[in-house]
Amino acid sequence: MVRFNPECRACPRLATFLDDTRAQFPTYFCRPVPPFGDPAARLVVVGLAPGMHGANRTGRPFTGDHAGILLYETLHRFGFASAPASVSADDGLRLIDCRITNAVKCLPPGNKPEMAEIVRCNVFLRAELQVLPPGTVVLALGLIAHNAVLRALGLKAGTRTFSHAARHELPGGLTLFDSYHCSRYNTQTRRLTPEAFAAVFSTIRDFMETSPCPLSALSSPVN
C-alpha cells in the first residue's frame, strides 16, 4: 500500500510550481503537506489541496489562511480541537479524535488541481481511508473531495451524490458526510454560513455519539 510520501514529485506541473513558489517564498513549507491529527481518529476531514499562503506556507492543513478560520473554530466548538485557531505547525494545537487531510497533497496553481493530478494523488488518500476501522466518519469539504473519497474506496462518482449536509453509507462501515468547502469565496458569498457549517458538525457529533458501528460492517468489504 502506498503511504504518504513527503518528497513526492509525481506530478510535474505541481512539482515545478512548488519549486517556483519556494524560490519566491524561501521560508514556505513548499512540499506535499502531510495529514494532521489523531492517527486513531473517528472523524477524518478531507479538503481539496493546500492553499498558497496557508498549508503550503505552514506545513499543516488549513493552517494560516482564511479557509482554516471557520474550520478550526468549528472543530474547537464541537470538541475536536484543543484551540479555536490554527496559526502555525508549532502552535501547540491538538486535534481530538479528528484528523485532517487533503485530496491533493501539493499546492496547485490557482487552487485548481487537474484531474490527472487528483487521480495520481488518490493513492495516498486511498491508503489513509482503506485502513479506517468501521464506524469512522469521513467529512468531505466540497465536490472534489467528495469524489476523491469515492475514488479512494473504489466507488464511481455517480454512486453517491454530493449535497451540503448529505450523509452516505460507504463500504467497510464508513459514513461520509458532505459540506460546502469553507473557502473564502464560499463564506464571503454566504454560500456557506457559520450556522450551516456548525449544523453539519452537530449532526456528525450526534451521529458519532449515538450510532455505534453495526456488527455487519465488521465484515463488509471495501470495493
N, C-alpha and C. Protein backbone atom coordinates (compact mmCIF):
# COMPACT_ATOMS: atom_id res chain seq x y z
N MET A 1 0.84 -1.19 0.00
CA MET A 1 0.00 0.00 0.00
C MET A 1 0.88 1.25 0.00
N VAL A 2 0.52 2.23 -0.82
CA VAL A 2 1.32 3.45 -0.95
C VAL A 2 1.04 4.40 0.22
N ARG A 3 2.04 4.70 0.99
CA ARG A 3 1.89 5.63 2.11
C ARG A 3 2.26 7.05 1.66
N PHE A 4 1.93 8.01 2.51
CA PHE A 4 2.26 9.40 2.21
C PHE A 4 3.76 9.55 1.97
N ASN A 5 4.10 10.27 0.91
CA ASN A 5 5.50 10.49 0.55
C ASN A 5 5.80 11.98 0.64
N PRO A 6 6.53 12.42 1.65
CA PRO A 6 6.80 13.85 1.82
C PRO A 6 7.69 14.44 0.74
N GLU A 7 8.30 13.59 -0.09
CA GLU A 7 9.16 14.06 -1.17
C GLU A 7 8.57 13.77 -2.54
N CYS A 8 7.29 13.48 -2.60
CA CYS A 8 6.66 13.10 -3.87
C CYS A 8 6.78 14.22 -4.91
N ARG A 9 7.15 13.82 -6.14
CA ARG A 9 7.22 14.75 -7.28
C ARG A 9 6.59 14.08 -8.50
N ALA A 10 5.54 13.30 -8.25
CA ALA A 10 4.93 12.51 -9.33
C ALA A 10 4.17 13.36 -10.33
N CYS A 11 3.76 14.56 -9.93
CA CYS A 11 3.01 15.45 -10.83
C CYS A 11 3.94 16.57 -11.29
N PRO A 12 4.42 16.53 -12.53
CA PRO A 12 5.41 17.52 -12.99
C PRO A 12 4.96 18.96 -12.84
N ARG A 13 3.70 19.25 -13.15
CA ARG A 13 3.22 20.62 -13.05
C ARG A 13 3.25 21.12 -11.60
N LEU A 14 2.82 20.26 -10.68
CA LEU A 14 2.81 20.65 -9.27
C LEU A 14 4.22 20.75 -8.71
N ALA A 15 5.09 19.83 -9.09
CA ALA A 15 6.48 19.88 -8.60
C ALA A 15 7.17 21.15 -9.07
N THR A 16 6.95 21.52 -10.33
CA THR A 16 7.55 22.75 -10.86
C THR A 16 6.99 23.98 -10.16
N PHE A 17 5.69 23.97 -9.91
CA PHE A 17 5.06 25.11 -9.24
C PHE A 17 5.57 25.25 -7.81
N LEU A 18 5.79 24.14 -7.13
CA LEU A 18 6.37 24.20 -5.79
C LEU A 18 7.78 24.76 -5.83
N ASP A 19 8.57 24.35 -6.81
CA ASP A 19 9.93 24.88 -6.94
C ASP A 19 9.90 26.39 -7.16
N ASP A 20 9.01 26.84 -8.04
CA ASP A 20 8.90 28.27 -8.32
C ASP A 20 8.42 29.04 -7.09
N THR A 21 7.50 28.45 -6.37
CA THR A 21 6.98 29.12 -5.17
C THR A 21 8.04 29.19 -4.08
N ARG A 22 8.83 28.13 -3.95
CA ARG A 22 9.91 28.13 -2.96
C ARG A 22 10.94 29.20 -3.28
N ALA A 23 11.21 29.41 -4.56
CA ALA A 23 12.15 30.45 -4.95
C ALA A 23 11.62 31.84 -4.60
N GLN A 24 10.31 32.00 -4.70
CA GLN A 24 9.69 33.29 -4.39
C GLN A 24 9.50 33.48 -2.89
N PHE A 25 9.22 32.37 -2.17
CA PHE A 25 8.99 32.43 -0.72
C PHE A 25 9.88 31.37 -0.04
N PRO A 26 11.15 31.69 0.18
CA PRO A 26 12.11 30.68 0.67
C PRO A 26 11.76 30.09 2.04
N THR A 27 10.96 30.79 2.84
CA THR A 27 10.63 30.28 4.18
C THR A 27 9.39 29.39 4.18
N TYR A 28 8.72 29.26 3.05
CA TYR A 28 7.49 28.48 3.00
C TYR A 28 7.81 26.98 3.00
N PHE A 29 6.85 26.17 3.44
CA PHE A 29 7.00 24.72 3.51
C PHE A 29 7.23 24.14 2.11
N CYS A 30 6.36 24.44 1.18
CA CYS A 30 6.53 24.10 -0.25
C CYS A 30 6.90 22.64 -0.51
N ARG A 31 6.17 21.75 0.11
CA ARG A 31 6.30 20.30 -0.11
C ARG A 31 4.92 19.68 0.01
N PRO A 32 4.77 18.42 -0.31
CA PRO A 32 3.49 17.76 -0.03
C PRO A 32 3.15 17.91 1.46
N VAL A 33 1.93 18.32 1.73
CA VAL A 33 1.51 18.58 3.12
C VAL A 33 0.93 17.30 3.73
N PRO A 34 1.49 16.85 4.84
CA PRO A 34 1.02 15.59 5.45
C PRO A 34 -0.31 15.78 6.17
N PRO A 35 -1.03 14.69 6.39
CA PRO A 35 -2.22 14.75 7.24
C PRO A 35 -1.84 15.23 8.63
N PHE A 36 -2.82 15.78 9.34
CA PHE A 36 -2.57 16.31 10.68
C PHE A 36 -3.66 15.83 11.63
N GLY A 37 -3.26 15.32 12.80
CA GLY A 37 -4.24 14.99 13.81
C GLY A 37 -4.04 13.62 14.42
N ASP A 38 -5.10 13.14 15.04
CA ASP A 38 -5.09 11.89 15.78
C ASP A 38 -5.02 10.71 14.81
N PRO A 39 -4.00 9.86 14.90
CA PRO A 39 -3.90 8.72 13.99
C PRO A 39 -5.02 7.71 14.18
N ALA A 40 -5.70 7.73 15.34
CA ALA A 40 -6.80 6.81 15.60
C ALA A 40 -8.14 7.53 15.59
N ALA A 41 -8.21 8.64 14.86
CA ALA A 41 -9.41 9.48 14.86
C ALA A 41 -10.62 8.76 14.31
N ARG A 42 -11.79 9.09 14.86
CA ARG A 42 -13.05 8.59 14.33
C ARG A 42 -13.68 9.56 13.34
N LEU A 43 -13.10 10.76 13.22
CA LEU A 43 -13.53 11.73 12.22
C LEU A 43 -12.34 12.12 11.37
N VAL A 44 -12.47 11.93 10.06
CA VAL A 44 -11.42 12.31 9.11
C VAL A 44 -12.01 13.37 8.17
N VAL A 45 -11.43 14.57 8.19
CA VAL A 45 -11.88 15.67 7.35
C VAL A 45 -11.00 15.71 6.10
N VAL A 46 -11.63 15.70 4.93
CA VAL A 46 -10.90 15.70 3.66
C VAL A 46 -11.16 17.02 2.94
N GLY A 47 -10.10 17.80 2.74
CA GLY A 47 -10.19 19.05 1.99
C GLY A 47 -9.75 18.84 0.55
N LEU A 48 -9.53 19.95 -0.13
CA LEU A 48 -9.14 19.88 -1.55
C LEU A 48 -7.63 19.79 -1.70
N ALA A 49 -6.92 20.88 -1.35
CA ALA A 49 -5.47 20.94 -1.55
C ALA A 49 -4.92 22.07 -0.67
N PRO A 50 -3.61 22.10 -0.42
CA PRO A 50 -3.04 23.19 0.36
C PRO A 50 -3.24 24.54 -0.32
N GLY A 51 -3.43 25.58 0.49
CA GLY A 51 -3.52 26.94 -0.02
C GLY A 51 -2.13 27.57 -0.10
N MET A 52 -1.96 28.48 -1.02
CA MET A 52 -0.66 29.12 -1.24
C MET A 52 -0.05 29.67 0.04
N HIS A 53 -0.81 30.50 0.77
CA HIS A 53 -0.28 31.15 1.96
C HIS A 53 -0.80 30.51 3.24
N GLY A 54 -1.42 29.34 3.10
CA GLY A 54 -1.90 28.60 4.26
C GLY A 54 -1.05 27.38 4.49
N ALA A 55 -1.59 26.21 4.16
CA ALA A 55 -0.86 24.97 4.41
C ALA A 55 0.46 24.89 3.65
N ASN A 56 0.50 25.46 2.45
CA ASN A 56 1.76 25.46 1.69
C ASN A 56 2.83 26.29 2.39
N ARG A 57 2.41 27.24 3.19
CA ARG A 57 3.35 28.07 3.96
C ARG A 57 3.72 27.41 5.27
N THR A 58 2.72 26.87 5.98
CA THR A 58 2.93 26.39 7.34
C THR A 58 3.23 24.90 7.44
N GLY A 59 2.80 24.12 6.44
CA GLY A 59 3.01 22.68 6.51
C GLY A 59 1.94 21.93 7.28
N ARG A 60 0.86 22.60 7.63
CA ARG A 60 -0.26 21.95 8.33
C ARG A 60 -1.56 22.26 7.59
N PRO A 61 -2.40 21.26 7.33
CA PRO A 61 -3.64 21.51 6.58
C PRO A 61 -4.50 22.63 7.20
N PHE A 62 -4.98 23.52 6.33
CA PHE A 62 -5.91 24.58 6.72
C PHE A 62 -5.34 25.51 7.79
N THR A 63 -4.05 25.68 7.81
CA THR A 63 -3.42 26.48 8.86
C THR A 63 -2.78 27.73 8.29
N GLY A 64 -3.22 28.89 8.79
CA GLY A 64 -2.62 30.15 8.38
C GLY A 64 -3.32 30.84 7.24
N ASP A 65 -4.50 30.34 6.83
CA ASP A 65 -5.22 31.02 5.74
C ASP A 65 -6.69 31.16 6.11
N HIS A 66 -7.44 31.82 5.24
CA HIS A 66 -8.83 32.13 5.54
C HIS A 66 -9.68 30.87 5.67
N ALA A 67 -9.41 29.87 4.84
CA ALA A 67 -10.23 28.67 4.85
C ALA A 67 -10.18 27.95 6.20
N GLY A 68 -9.06 28.09 6.90
CA GLY A 68 -8.94 27.41 8.18
C GLY A 68 -9.62 28.10 9.34
N ILE A 69 -9.99 29.37 9.17
CA ILE A 69 -10.58 30.11 10.29
C ILE A 69 -11.87 29.44 10.77
N LEU A 70 -12.82 29.27 9.85
CA LEU A 70 -14.09 28.66 10.22
C LEU A 70 -13.92 27.20 10.59
N LEU A 71 -13.03 26.48 9.89
CA LEU A 71 -12.86 25.06 10.18
C LEU A 71 -12.39 24.84 11.61
N TYR A 72 -11.31 25.53 12.01
CA TYR A 72 -10.78 25.28 13.35
C TYR A 72 -11.68 25.84 14.45
N GLU A 73 -12.35 26.95 14.19
CA GLU A 73 -13.34 27.46 15.15
C GLU A 73 -14.41 26.41 15.40
N THR A 74 -14.88 25.79 14.32
CA THR A 74 -15.96 24.81 14.44
C THR A 74 -15.46 23.51 15.07
N LEU A 75 -14.28 23.08 14.68
CA LEU A 75 -13.71 21.89 15.32
C LEU A 75 -13.59 22.08 16.83
N HIS A 76 -13.13 23.25 17.24
CA HIS A 76 -12.98 23.53 18.67
C HIS A 76 -14.34 23.56 19.36
N ARG A 77 -15.30 24.19 18.73
CA ARG A 77 -16.65 24.30 19.31
C ARG A 77 -17.26 22.93 19.60
N PHE A 78 -16.96 21.95 18.73
CA PHE A 78 -17.56 20.64 18.90
C PHE A 78 -16.60 19.62 19.52
N GLY A 79 -15.53 20.11 20.12
CA GLY A 79 -14.65 19.25 20.90
C GLY A 79 -13.63 18.47 20.12
N PHE A 80 -13.41 18.85 18.85
CA PHE A 80 -12.44 18.13 18.04
C PHE A 80 -11.06 18.81 17.99
N ALA A 81 -10.92 19.98 18.57
CA ALA A 81 -9.64 20.69 18.57
C ALA A 81 -9.43 21.35 19.92
N SER A 82 -8.16 21.44 20.33
CA SER A 82 -7.84 22.00 21.64
C SER A 82 -7.86 23.52 21.67
N ALA A 83 -7.91 24.16 20.50
CA ALA A 83 -7.92 25.62 20.41
C ALA A 83 -8.75 26.03 19.20
N PRO A 84 -9.27 27.26 19.18
CA PRO A 84 -10.14 27.70 18.08
C PRO A 84 -9.41 28.26 16.87
N ALA A 85 -8.10 28.37 16.93
CA ALA A 85 -7.36 28.94 15.81
C ALA A 85 -6.06 28.17 15.61
N SER A 86 -5.74 27.91 14.33
CA SER A 86 -4.50 27.24 13.96
C SER A 86 -3.67 28.21 13.13
N VAL A 87 -2.55 28.65 13.70
CA VAL A 87 -1.76 29.69 13.05
C VAL A 87 -0.42 29.20 12.54
N SER A 88 0.10 28.13 13.13
CA SER A 88 1.39 27.60 12.70
C SER A 88 1.48 26.14 13.11
N ALA A 89 2.40 25.43 12.51
CA ALA A 89 2.53 24.00 12.78
C ALA A 89 3.08 23.72 14.18
N ASP A 90 3.63 24.73 14.83
CA ASP A 90 4.19 24.54 16.17
C ASP A 90 3.45 25.36 17.23
N ASP A 91 2.17 25.65 16.99
CA ASP A 91 1.43 26.48 17.95
C ASP A 91 0.82 25.69 19.10
N GLY A 92 1.02 24.38 19.13
CA GLY A 92 0.53 23.56 20.23
C GLY A 92 -0.88 23.05 20.08
N LEU A 93 -1.58 23.45 19.03
CA LEU A 93 -2.94 22.98 18.83
C LEU A 93 -2.95 21.47 18.60
N ARG A 94 -3.91 20.79 19.21
CA ARG A 94 -4.09 19.35 19.02
C ARG A 94 -5.49 19.08 18.49
N LEU A 95 -5.59 18.11 17.61
CA LEU A 95 -6.90 17.62 17.20
C LEU A 95 -7.27 16.43 18.07
N ILE A 96 -8.55 16.35 18.43
CA ILE A 96 -9.03 15.35 19.36
C ILE A 96 -10.02 14.44 18.63
N ASP A 97 -9.64 13.17 18.47
CA ASP A 97 -10.49 12.21 17.75
C ASP A 97 -10.78 12.68 16.33
N CYS A 98 -9.85 13.41 15.75
CA CYS A 98 -10.05 14.01 14.43
C CYS A 98 -8.72 14.09 13.69
N ARG A 99 -8.77 13.93 12.37
CA ARG A 99 -7.59 14.09 11.53
C ARG A 99 -8.02 14.84 10.27
N ILE A 100 -7.13 15.69 9.77
CA ILE A 100 -7.41 16.47 8.56
C ILE A 100 -6.40 16.07 7.48
N THR A 101 -6.91 15.87 6.28
CA THR A 101 -6.06 15.56 5.14
C THR A 101 -6.62 16.26 3.91
N ASN A 102 -5.95 16.09 2.77
CA ASN A 102 -6.41 16.70 1.53
C ASN A 102 -6.45 15.68 0.41
N ALA A 103 -7.34 15.92 -0.55
CA ALA A 103 -7.42 15.06 -1.72
C ALA A 103 -6.15 15.15 -2.55
N VAL A 104 -5.57 16.35 -2.62
CA VAL A 104 -4.30 16.60 -3.32
C VAL A 104 -3.34 17.19 -2.30
N LYS A 105 -2.16 16.61 -2.17
CA LYS A 105 -1.26 16.99 -1.09
C LYS A 105 -0.38 18.20 -1.40
N CYS A 106 -0.27 18.56 -2.69
CA CYS A 106 0.60 19.67 -3.09
C CYS A 106 -0.20 20.88 -3.55
N LEU A 107 0.36 22.04 -3.38
CA LEU A 107 -0.25 23.29 -3.84
C LEU A 107 -0.44 23.27 -5.35
N PRO A 108 -1.68 23.47 -5.84
CA PRO A 108 -1.89 23.57 -7.29
C PRO A 108 -1.98 25.03 -7.73
N PRO A 109 -1.52 25.36 -8.92
CA PRO A 109 -1.67 26.73 -9.43
C PRO A 109 -3.14 27.14 -9.45
N GLY A 110 -3.40 28.34 -8.94
CA GLY A 110 -4.76 28.85 -8.93
C GLY A 110 -5.71 28.07 -8.06
N ASN A 111 -5.18 27.25 -7.15
CA ASN A 111 -6.01 26.40 -6.28
C ASN A 111 -6.86 25.41 -7.08
N LYS A 112 -6.42 25.06 -8.29
CA LYS A 112 -7.20 24.18 -9.15
C LYS A 112 -6.34 23.02 -9.66
N PRO A 113 -6.37 21.90 -8.96
CA PRO A 113 -5.63 20.73 -9.47
C PRO A 113 -6.30 20.18 -10.72
N GLU A 114 -5.50 19.64 -11.61
CA GLU A 114 -6.04 18.99 -12.79
C GLU A 114 -6.49 17.58 -12.43
N MET A 115 -7.41 17.04 -13.25
CA MET A 115 -7.96 15.72 -12.95
C MET A 115 -6.86 14.66 -12.85
N ALA A 116 -5.87 14.72 -13.73
CA ALA A 116 -4.80 13.73 -13.68
C ALA A 116 -4.04 13.81 -12.36
N GLU A 117 -3.91 15.01 -11.80
CA GLU A 117 -3.22 15.18 -10.52
C GLU A 117 -4.06 14.64 -9.38
N ILE A 118 -5.38 14.87 -9.44
CA ILE A 118 -6.28 14.33 -8.42
C ILE A 118 -6.22 12.80 -8.43
N VAL A 119 -6.24 12.23 -9.62
CA VAL A 119 -6.20 10.77 -9.75
C VAL A 119 -4.87 10.21 -9.26
N ARG A 120 -3.77 10.86 -9.65
CA ARG A 120 -2.45 10.37 -9.26
C ARG A 120 -2.25 10.43 -7.75
N CYS A 121 -2.74 11.50 -7.14
CA CYS A 121 -2.56 11.67 -5.69
C CYS A 121 -3.53 10.82 -4.89
N ASN A 122 -4.52 10.25 -5.56
CA ASN A 122 -5.53 9.48 -4.85
C ASN A 122 -4.97 8.24 -4.18
N VAL A 123 -3.81 7.78 -4.63
CA VAL A 123 -3.22 6.60 -3.99
C VAL A 123 -2.93 6.86 -2.52
N PHE A 124 -2.58 8.10 -2.18
CA PHE A 124 -2.28 8.44 -0.79
C PHE A 124 -3.56 8.50 0.04
N LEU A 125 -4.61 9.10 -0.52
CA LEU A 125 -5.89 9.13 0.19
C LEU A 125 -6.44 7.72 0.37
N ARG A 126 -6.27 6.89 -0.66
CA ARG A 126 -6.72 5.50 -0.57
C ARG A 126 -6.03 4.80 0.59
N ALA A 127 -4.74 5.01 0.73
CA ALA A 127 -4.00 4.38 1.82
C ALA A 127 -4.51 4.84 3.18
N GLU A 128 -4.92 6.11 3.25
CA GLU A 128 -5.45 6.64 4.51
C GLU A 128 -6.82 6.08 4.84
N LEU A 129 -7.68 5.98 3.83
CA LEU A 129 -9.07 5.62 4.09
C LEU A 129 -9.30 4.11 4.21
N GLN A 130 -8.54 3.33 3.46
CA GLN A 130 -8.81 1.90 3.45
C GLN A 130 -8.40 1.19 4.74
N VAL A 131 -7.68 1.87 5.60
CA VAL A 131 -7.32 1.25 6.89
C VAL A 131 -8.18 1.78 8.03
N LEU A 132 -9.16 2.63 7.72
CA LEU A 132 -10.02 3.16 8.78
C LEU A 132 -10.93 2.07 9.31
N PRO A 133 -11.12 2.02 10.62
CA PRO A 133 -12.00 0.99 11.18
C PRO A 133 -13.47 1.30 10.94
N PRO A 134 -14.33 0.29 10.94
CA PRO A 134 -15.76 0.54 10.83
C PRO A 134 -16.23 1.53 11.89
N GLY A 135 -17.17 2.38 11.51
CA GLY A 135 -17.67 3.38 12.43
C GLY A 135 -17.04 4.74 12.25
N THR A 136 -15.96 4.84 11.46
CA THR A 136 -15.30 6.12 11.23
C THR A 136 -16.16 7.00 10.33
N VAL A 137 -16.18 8.29 10.64
CA VAL A 137 -16.88 9.29 9.83
C VAL A 137 -15.88 10.04 8.97
N VAL A 138 -16.19 10.20 7.70
CA VAL A 138 -15.37 10.99 6.78
C VAL A 138 -16.20 12.20 6.36
N LEU A 139 -15.64 13.39 6.53
CA LEU A 139 -16.30 14.63 6.12
C LEU A 139 -15.58 15.18 4.89
N ALA A 140 -16.29 15.26 3.77
CA ALA A 140 -15.73 15.80 2.53
C ALA A 140 -16.11 17.26 2.40
N LEU A 141 -15.10 18.11 2.25
CA LEU A 141 -15.34 19.55 2.08
C LEU A 141 -15.31 19.87 0.59
N GLY A 142 -16.47 19.85 -0.03
CA GLY A 142 -16.58 20.17 -1.45
C GLY A 142 -16.68 18.95 -2.33
N LEU A 143 -17.08 19.21 -3.58
CA LEU A 143 -17.34 18.13 -4.53
C LEU A 143 -16.08 17.36 -4.89
N ILE A 144 -14.95 18.06 -5.08
CA ILE A 144 -13.72 17.36 -5.47
C ILE A 144 -13.29 16.40 -4.37
N ALA A 145 -13.36 16.84 -3.12
CA ALA A 145 -13.02 15.96 -2.00
C ALA A 145 -13.99 14.79 -1.93
N HIS A 146 -15.28 15.07 -2.13
CA HIS A 146 -16.30 14.02 -2.12
C HIS A 146 -15.97 12.94 -3.15
N ASN A 147 -15.69 13.35 -4.38
CA ASN A 147 -15.39 12.38 -5.43
C ASN A 147 -14.07 11.67 -5.18
N ALA A 148 -13.11 12.37 -4.58
CA ALA A 148 -11.83 11.74 -4.26
C ALA A 148 -12.00 10.64 -3.22
N VAL A 149 -12.88 10.86 -2.25
CA VAL A 149 -13.16 9.83 -1.25
C VAL A 149 -13.78 8.61 -1.92
N LEU A 150 -14.74 8.82 -2.80
CA LEU A 150 -15.37 7.70 -3.50
C LEU A 150 -14.34 6.94 -4.33
N ARG A 151 -13.49 7.67 -5.06
CA ARG A 151 -12.45 7.03 -5.87
C ARG A 151 -11.52 6.21 -4.99
N ALA A 152 -11.14 6.76 -3.85
CA ALA A 152 -10.21 6.06 -2.96
C ALA A 152 -10.78 4.75 -2.44
N LEU A 153 -12.11 4.66 -2.39
CA LEU A 153 -12.76 3.44 -1.91
C LEU A 153 -13.29 2.57 -3.05
N GLY A 154 -12.88 2.90 -4.28
CA GLY A 154 -13.25 2.08 -5.41
C GLY A 154 -14.67 2.26 -5.89
N LEU A 155 -15.27 3.41 -5.58
CA LEU A 155 -16.65 3.69 -5.98
C LEU A 155 -16.69 4.71 -7.10
N LYS A 156 -17.66 4.59 -7.99
CA LYS A 156 -17.83 5.57 -9.05
C LYS A 156 -18.48 6.83 -8.49
N ALA A 157 -18.14 7.97 -9.09
CA ALA A 157 -18.62 9.26 -8.58
C ALA A 157 -20.13 9.31 -8.50
N GLY A 158 -20.82 8.73 -9.48
CA GLY A 158 -22.27 8.83 -9.51
C GLY A 158 -23.00 8.01 -8.48
N THR A 159 -22.29 7.16 -7.75
CA THR A 159 -22.97 6.30 -6.79
C THR A 159 -23.40 7.03 -5.53
N ARG A 160 -22.80 8.16 -5.25
CA ARG A 160 -23.18 9.00 -4.10
C ARG A 160 -23.18 10.44 -4.60
N THR A 161 -24.29 11.14 -4.48
CA THR A 161 -24.41 12.50 -4.99
C THR A 161 -24.02 13.51 -3.92
N PHE A 162 -23.12 14.42 -4.28
CA PHE A 162 -22.69 15.45 -3.34
C PHE A 162 -23.82 16.44 -3.09
N SER A 163 -24.04 16.76 -1.82
CA SER A 163 -25.01 17.78 -1.44
C SER A 163 -24.66 18.24 -0.03
N HIS A 164 -24.70 19.53 0.20
CA HIS A 164 -24.36 20.03 1.54
C HIS A 164 -25.24 19.36 2.59
N ALA A 165 -24.58 18.86 3.63
CA ALA A 165 -25.22 18.20 4.78
C ALA A 165 -25.75 16.80 4.46
N ALA A 166 -25.40 16.28 3.27
CA ALA A 166 -25.83 14.92 2.94
C ALA A 166 -25.01 13.89 3.71
N ARG A 167 -25.60 12.71 3.88
CA ARG A 167 -24.92 11.60 4.54
C ARG A 167 -25.01 10.37 3.64
N HIS A 168 -23.89 9.64 3.52
CA HIS A 168 -23.84 8.47 2.66
C HIS A 168 -23.17 7.32 3.40
N GLU A 169 -23.71 6.13 3.26
CA GLU A 169 -23.05 4.94 3.80
C GLU A 169 -22.00 4.47 2.80
N LEU A 170 -20.85 4.08 3.31
CA LEU A 170 -19.74 3.64 2.47
C LEU A 170 -19.35 2.21 2.82
N PRO A 171 -18.63 1.54 1.93
CA PRO A 171 -18.13 0.20 2.25
C PRO A 171 -17.24 0.22 3.49
N GLY A 172 -17.17 -0.92 4.16
CA GLY A 172 -16.30 -1.03 5.31
C GLY A 172 -16.84 -0.40 6.57
N GLY A 173 -18.14 -0.04 6.58
CA GLY A 173 -18.72 0.55 7.78
C GLY A 173 -18.40 2.01 7.98
N LEU A 174 -17.90 2.68 6.92
CA LEU A 174 -17.62 4.11 7.00
C LEU A 174 -18.87 4.91 6.64
N THR A 175 -18.94 6.13 7.14
CA THR A 175 -20.04 7.04 6.80
C THR A 175 -19.46 8.34 6.29
N LEU A 176 -19.94 8.78 5.14
CA LEU A 176 -19.48 10.02 4.52
C LEU A 176 -20.51 11.12 4.72
N PHE A 177 -20.05 12.26 5.24
CA PHE A 177 -20.85 13.47 5.31
C PHE A 177 -20.27 14.49 4.33
N ASP A 178 -21.12 15.31 3.75
CA ASP A 178 -20.70 16.35 2.82
C ASP A 178 -20.93 17.74 3.40
N SER A 179 -20.05 18.65 3.02
CA SER A 179 -20.25 20.07 3.32
C SER A 179 -19.64 20.89 2.20
N TYR A 180 -20.20 22.06 1.97
CA TYR A 180 -19.52 23.00 1.11
C TYR A 180 -18.16 23.30 1.73
N HIS A 181 -17.18 23.58 0.89
CA HIS A 181 -15.84 23.90 1.37
C HIS A 181 -15.87 25.25 2.10
N CYS A 182 -15.07 25.33 3.15
CA CYS A 182 -15.03 26.57 3.95
C CYS A 182 -14.03 27.57 3.35
N SER A 183 -14.07 27.73 2.06
CA SER A 183 -13.18 28.66 1.36
C SER A 183 -13.62 30.10 1.59
N ARG A 184 -12.73 31.03 1.29
CA ARG A 184 -13.07 32.45 1.41
C ARG A 184 -14.28 32.78 0.52
N TYR A 185 -14.26 32.26 -0.71
CA TYR A 185 -15.35 32.56 -1.63
C TYR A 185 -16.69 32.09 -1.06
N ASN A 186 -16.73 30.85 -0.58
CA ASN A 186 -18.00 30.31 -0.08
C ASN A 186 -18.50 31.02 1.16
N THR A 187 -17.59 31.40 2.05
CA THR A 187 -18.03 32.07 3.27
C THR A 187 -18.39 33.53 3.03
N GLN A 188 -17.65 34.21 2.14
CA GLN A 188 -17.96 35.62 1.89
C GLN A 188 -19.21 35.79 1.05
N THR A 189 -19.51 34.83 0.19
CA THR A 189 -20.75 34.91 -0.60
C THR A 189 -21.93 34.33 0.17
N ARG A 190 -21.68 33.81 1.36
CA ARG A 190 -22.70 33.21 2.22
C ARG A 190 -23.27 31.92 1.65
N ARG A 191 -22.58 31.36 0.69
CA ARG A 191 -22.99 30.02 0.26
C ARG A 191 -22.85 29.06 1.44
N LEU A 192 -21.81 29.28 2.23
CA LEU A 192 -21.62 28.52 3.46
C LEU A 192 -21.58 29.50 4.62
N THR A 193 -22.54 29.42 5.50
CA THR A 193 -22.58 30.27 6.69
C THR A 193 -22.01 29.50 7.88
N PRO A 194 -21.54 30.21 8.90
CA PRO A 194 -21.09 29.51 10.11
C PRO A 194 -22.17 28.62 10.69
N GLU A 195 -23.41 29.07 10.62
CA GLU A 195 -24.52 28.28 11.16
C GLU A 195 -24.71 26.97 10.38
N ALA A 196 -24.62 27.06 9.05
CA ALA A 196 -24.79 25.86 8.22
C ALA A 196 -23.63 24.88 8.42
N PHE A 197 -22.43 25.42 8.59
CA PHE A 197 -21.27 24.57 8.83
C PHE A 197 -21.38 23.90 10.20
N ALA A 198 -21.79 24.67 11.20
CA ALA A 198 -21.96 24.11 12.54
C ALA A 198 -23.03 23.03 12.56
N ALA A 199 -24.06 23.20 11.76
CA ALA A 199 -25.13 22.21 11.73
C ALA A 199 -24.61 20.86 11.24
N VAL A 200 -23.69 20.88 10.28
CA VAL A 200 -23.10 19.63 9.80
C VAL A 200 -22.31 18.96 10.93
N PHE A 201 -21.53 19.73 11.65
CA PHE A 201 -20.74 19.16 12.74
C PHE A 201 -21.61 18.70 13.89
N SER A 202 -22.71 19.39 14.13
CA SER A 202 -23.64 18.95 15.16
C SER A 202 -24.22 17.59 14.81
N THR A 203 -24.57 17.43 13.55
CA THR A 203 -25.10 16.13 13.09
C THR A 203 -24.03 15.05 13.21
N ILE A 204 -22.80 15.38 12.84
CA ILE A 204 -21.71 14.41 12.94
C ILE A 204 -21.46 14.02 14.39
N ARG A 205 -21.43 15.00 15.28
CA ARG A 205 -21.19 14.71 16.70
C ARG A 205 -22.30 13.83 17.26
N ASP A 206 -23.54 14.15 16.93
CA ASP A 206 -24.66 13.32 17.40
C ASP A 206 -24.56 11.90 16.82
N PHE A 207 -24.19 11.82 15.55
CA PHE A 207 -24.06 10.51 14.90
C PHE A 207 -22.97 9.68 15.57
N MET A 208 -21.85 10.29 15.86
CA MET A 208 -20.74 9.57 16.48
C MET A 208 -21.08 9.09 17.89
N GLU A 209 -21.92 9.86 18.58
CA GLU A 209 -22.24 9.52 19.96
C GLU A 209 -23.40 8.55 20.09
N THR A 210 -24.24 8.47 19.07
CA THR A 210 -25.45 7.65 19.19
C THR A 210 -25.54 6.50 18.20
N SER A 211 -24.58 6.41 17.28
CA SER A 211 -24.67 5.37 16.25
C SER A 211 -23.45 4.47 16.28
N PRO A 212 -23.46 3.47 17.16
CA PRO A 212 -22.35 2.51 17.14
C PRO A 212 -22.29 1.77 15.83
N CYS A 213 -21.10 1.32 15.48
CA CYS A 213 -20.93 0.60 14.22
C CYS A 213 -21.73 -0.68 14.22
N PRO A 214 -22.55 -0.92 13.20
CA PRO A 214 -23.29 -2.19 13.12
C PRO A 214 -22.35 -3.37 12.96
N LEU A 215 -22.72 -4.49 13.58
CA LEU A 215 -21.85 -5.66 13.51
C LEU A 215 -21.63 -6.12 12.08
N SER A 216 -22.61 -5.90 11.21
CA SER A 216 -22.46 -6.33 9.83
C SER A 216 -21.34 -5.62 9.11
N ALA A 217 -21.02 -4.39 9.58
CA ALA A 217 -19.97 -3.61 8.90
C ALA A 217 -18.59 -4.22 9.15
N LEU A 218 -18.45 -5.00 10.22
CA LEU A 218 -17.14 -5.54 10.53
C LEU A 218 -16.64 -6.48 9.44
N SER A 219 -17.54 -7.05 8.70
CA SER A 219 -17.14 -7.97 7.64
C SER A 219 -17.42 -7.42 6.25
N SER A 220 -17.81 -6.13 6.17
CA SER A 220 -18.14 -5.55 4.87
C SER A 220 -16.86 -5.25 4.11
N PRO A 221 -16.72 -5.73 2.88
CA PRO A 221 -15.51 -5.45 2.11
C PRO A 221 -15.50 -4.04 1.56
N VAL A 222 -14.33 -3.51 1.35
CA VAL A 222 -14.18 -2.24 0.66
C VAL A 222 -14.03 -2.55 -0.82
N ASN A 223 -15.02 -2.12 -1.63
CA ASN A 223 -14.96 -2.47 -3.05
C ASN A 223 -15.46 -1.32 -3.89
